[in-house]
Structure formats: structure tokens, C-alpha cells
């Protein structure tokens, strides 16, 4: 039983890995002036947050956080409440 469970979990992980690898992080300036990092595409972001003003695309979150931090420091946007920019 444990072997079968491990096999199923392993298969699920392998199927999910390509989807995770294709994730792209975007830095958006929201309608209230905050810089937000999100994986939603422009159309979904426009529908759900009221903006599609993208300030950059990144393949990993660390790079997106660096750009958000520099945008906040330059005054282009503000840090979302509860985040450390």
C-alpha cells in the first residue's frame, strides 16, 4: 500500500513540475498605486484587479521581488500593505 501511495504521489509531482516551470511572475502597478507580484496574465489581472499595467515579466519570484523593490524605492509605486519591499 505504501509503495502504491508513493508511486501516485511521484506521478502527481512529475505532472505538476512542467506547469510550475512555466509560471511567469509579473510586477503590476495596481489601480491604488501598489506594486504587486502575481502570476496572472494581463487579461485576468485587468478583470480581477482593475489594471494590466505590467512593469516586467520574470521566470522566478526573486527577480520579480528585486524589480518591485527598485520600483518602490524610485517612487513609481508603493509597497502593498503587509509586505516588506
Protein backbone atom coordinates (compact mmCIF):
# COMPACT_ATOMS: atom_id res chain seq x y z
CA UNK A 1 0.00 0.00 0.00
CA UNK A 2 2.83 2.43 0.86
CA UNK A 3 4.57 1.71 -2.44
CA UNK A 4 1.40 2.47 -4.38
CA UNK A 5 0.88 5.73 -2.48
CA UNK A 6 4.46 6.78 -3.17
CA UNK A 7 4.04 5.95 -6.86
CA UNK A 8 0.85 8.00 -7.10
CA UNK A 9 2.41 10.97 -5.30
CA UNK A 10 5.50 10.74 -7.51
CA UNK A 11 3.38 10.72 -10.66
CA UNK A 12 1.40 13.73 -9.46
CA UNK A 13 4.63 15.63 -8.75
CA UNK A 14 6.04 14.84 -12.20
CA UNK A 15 2.85 16.03 -13.89
CA UNK A 16 2.83 19.27 -11.89
CA UNK A 17 6.52 20.12 -12.44
CA UNK A 18 6.16 21.39 -16.05
CA UNK A 19 3.22 23.57 -15.02
CA UNK A 20 5.28 25.10 -12.22
CA UNK A 21 8.27 25.63 -14.51
CA UNK A 22 6.11 27.63 -16.93
CA UNK A 23 4.93 30.04 -14.25
CA UNK A 24 5.89 33.56 -15.03
CA UNK A 25 5.90 36.29 -12.42
CA UNK A 26 4.67 39.75 -13.33
CA UNK A 27 5.11 43.00 -11.44
CA UNK A 28 1.92 45.03 -11.79
CA UNK A 29 1.08 48.54 -10.67
CA UNK A 30 -2.44 48.26 -9.33
CA UNK A 31 -5.14 50.91 -9.52
CA UNK A 32 -4.35 52.04 -5.95
CA UNK A 33 -0.68 52.59 -6.83
CA UNK A 34 0.78 49.48 -5.20
CA UNK A 35 3.37 47.22 -6.86
CA UNK A 36 2.08 43.68 -6.77
CA UNK A 37 3.74 40.44 -7.89
CA UNK A 38 1.34 37.98 -9.49
CA UNK A 39 1.28 35.02 -11.87
CA UNK A 40 -1.99 36.04 -13.52
CA UNK A 41 -1.84 37.10 -17.15
CA UNK A 42 -2.75 40.63 -18.20
CA UNK A 43 -6.41 39.88 -19.01
CA UNK A 44 -7.06 38.12 -15.69
CA UNK A 45 -5.29 40.86 -13.76
CA UNK A 46 -7.39 43.52 -15.51
CA UNK A 47 -10.60 41.63 -14.66
CA UNK A 48 -9.73 40.92 -11.04
CA UNK A 49 -7.68 43.97 -10.00
CA UNK A 50 -8.70 46.65 -12.46
CA UNK A 51 -5.26 47.05 -14.01
CA UNK A 52 -2.99 45.41 -16.53
CA UNK A 53 -0.12 47.89 -16.14
CA UNK A 54 2.79 45.45 -16.13
CA UNK A 55 6.22 46.64 -15.07
CA UNK A 56 8.04 43.42 -16.01
CA UNK A 57 7.95 39.65 -16.57
CA UNK A 58 10.23 37.23 -14.74
CA UNK A 59 10.78 33.50 -14.63
CA UNK A 60 11.39 33.47 -10.88
CA UNK A 61 9.95 35.31 -7.91
CA UNK A 62 13.31 36.56 -6.62
CA UNK A 63 13.89 38.66 -9.74
CA UNK A 64 10.33 40.00 -9.57
CA UNK A 65 10.86 41.00 -5.93
CA UNK A 66 14.09 42.84 -6.83
CA UNK A 67 12.31 44.86 -9.51
CA UNK A 68 9.35 45.60 -7.25
CA UNK A 69 11.76 46.82 -4.57
CA UNK A 70 13.54 49.10 -7.03
CA UNK A 71 10.21 50.47 -8.32
CA UNK A 72 9.10 51.22 -4.74
CA UNK A 73 12.41 52.94 -3.94
CA UNK A 74 12.18 55.05 -7.09
CA UNK A 75 8.65 56.15 -6.16
CA UNK A 76 6.98 54.59 -9.20
CA UNK A 77 4.64 52.71 -6.88
CA UNK A 78 4.20 51.85 -3.21
CA UNK A 79 4.70 48.63 -1.31
CA UNK A 80 1.48 46.67 -0.68
CA UNK A 81 0.48 46.74 2.98
CA UNK A 82 1.77 43.76 4.89
CA UNK A 83 4.75 43.24 2.56
CA UNK A 84 8.39 44.05 3.08
CA UNK A 85 9.62 45.81 -0.03
